Amino acid sequence: MPPPHEKLADSLSALQGLQKAGHKVIHSRELSRTHRERLVAKVHSELSQKLDRRTAPEMARPLGSVAHSLGTNGDRRARR
């Protein structure tokens, strides 16, 4: 059984073949289910990693700064 990176390379080759053939839009019937699922999973993984990197600094803020931005007791109305 080939390792995952070889399976992904195979799916990317199938996609590249369609692109080289001039396909601008790729219909689901033009790729096998296995290739589609593998490519979608890879894109989802990359997007999740980008999102995690963008929100990580925000999540690392101390709790006190969050409470301060909401008001002293954590209620937004207290800030008015």
Protein backbone atom coordinates (compact mmCIF):
# COMPACT_ATOMS: atom_id res chain seq x y z
CA MET A 1 0.00 0.00 0.00
CA PRO A 2 1.49 3.37 -0.99
CA PRO A 3 2.08 5.99 1.72
CA PRO A 4 -0.35 8.95 1.99
CA HIS A 5 1.96 11.43 0.26
CA GLU A 6 2.12 9.19 -2.80
CA LYS A 7 -1.66 8.87 -2.86
CA LEU A 8 -1.99 12.66 -2.72
CA ALA A 9 0.60 13.01 -5.49
CA ASP A 10 -1.47 10.62 -7.62
CA SER A 11 -4.61 12.71 -7.05
CA LEU A 12 -2.75 15.92 -7.84
CA SER A 13 -1.44 14.34 -11.05
CA ALA A 14 -5.00 13.48 -12.08
CA LEU A 15 -6.05 17.07 -11.42
CA GLN A 16 -3.04 18.42 -13.30
CA GLY A 17 -3.88 16.22 -16.27
CA LEU A 18 -7.33 17.78 -16.49
CA GLN A 19 -5.87 21.28 -16.21
CA LYS A 20 -3.30 20.59 -18.94
CA ALA A 21 -6.12 19.34 -21.16
CA GLY A 22 -7.61 22.83 -20.94
CA HIS A 23 -10.32 22.26 -18.36
CA LYS A 24 -11.16 25.49 -16.54
CA VAL A 25 -14.03 23.94 -14.61
CA ILE A 26 -13.71 20.38 -13.40
CA HIS A 27 -16.89 18.40 -13.02
CA SER A 28 -17.10 15.75 -10.34
CA ARG A 29 -17.58 13.03 -12.93
CA GLU A 30 -14.14 13.84 -14.39
CA LEU A 31 -12.28 12.74 -11.24
CA SER A 32 -12.75 9.54 -9.32
CA ARG A 33 -14.42 9.72 -5.94
CA THR A 34 -11.14 8.76 -4.25
CA HIS A 35 -9.23 11.60 -5.94
CA ARG A 36 -11.98 14.14 -5.16
CA GLU A 37 -12.18 13.19 -1.49
CA ARG A 38 -8.40 13.19 -1.10
CA LEU A 39 -8.05 16.64 -2.70
CA VAL A 40 -10.92 18.13 -0.71
CA ALA A 41 -9.45 16.77 2.53
CA LYS A 42 -6.07 18.34 1.69
CA VAL A 43 -7.60 21.75 0.96
CA HIS A 44 -9.68 21.57 4.13
CA SER A 45 -6.58 20.70 6.15
CA GLU A 46 -4.60 23.62 4.71
CA LEU A 47 -7.42 26.09 5.32
CA SER A 48 -7.82 24.90 8.90
CA GLN A 49 -4.10 25.36 9.52
CA LYS A 50 -4.20 28.91 8.11
CA LEU A 51 -7.20 29.74 10.27
CA ASP A 52 -5.49 28.32 13.35
CA ARG A 53 -2.41 30.46 12.69
CA ARG A 54 -4.52 33.60 12.31
CA THR A 55 -6.59 33.07 15.44
CA ALA A 56 -3.81 31.75 17.68
CA PRO A 57 -2.48 35.20 18.71
CA GLU A 58 -6.02 36.34 19.43
CA MET A 59 -6.66 33.29 21.60
CA ALA A 60 -3.41 33.84 23.48
CA ARG A 61 -4.59 37.14 24.96
CA PRO A 62 -4.78 37.09 28.73
CA LEU A 63 -8.25 36.69 30.15
CA GLY A 64 -7.95 40.03 31.93
CA SER A 65 -7.69 41.92 28.64
CA VAL A 66 -10.86 40.21 27.40
CA ALA A 67 -12.73 41.09 30.59
CA HIS A 68 -11.46 44.66 30.36
CA SER A 69 -12.71 45.04 26.77
CA LEU A 70 -16.14 43.78 27.84
CA GLY A 71 -16.36 45.82 31.02
CA THR A 72 -15.33 45.16 34.59
CA ASN A 73 -17.84 42.39 35.23
CA GLY A 74 -17.69 40.83 31.76
CA ASP A 75 -20.97 42.42 30.66
CA ARG A 76 -20.93 44.54 27.50
CA ARG A 77 -23.64 46.78 28.91
CA ALA A 78 -21.36 47.84 31.73
CA ARG A 79 -19.17 49.68 29.24
CA ARG A 80 -21.85 52.18 28.15
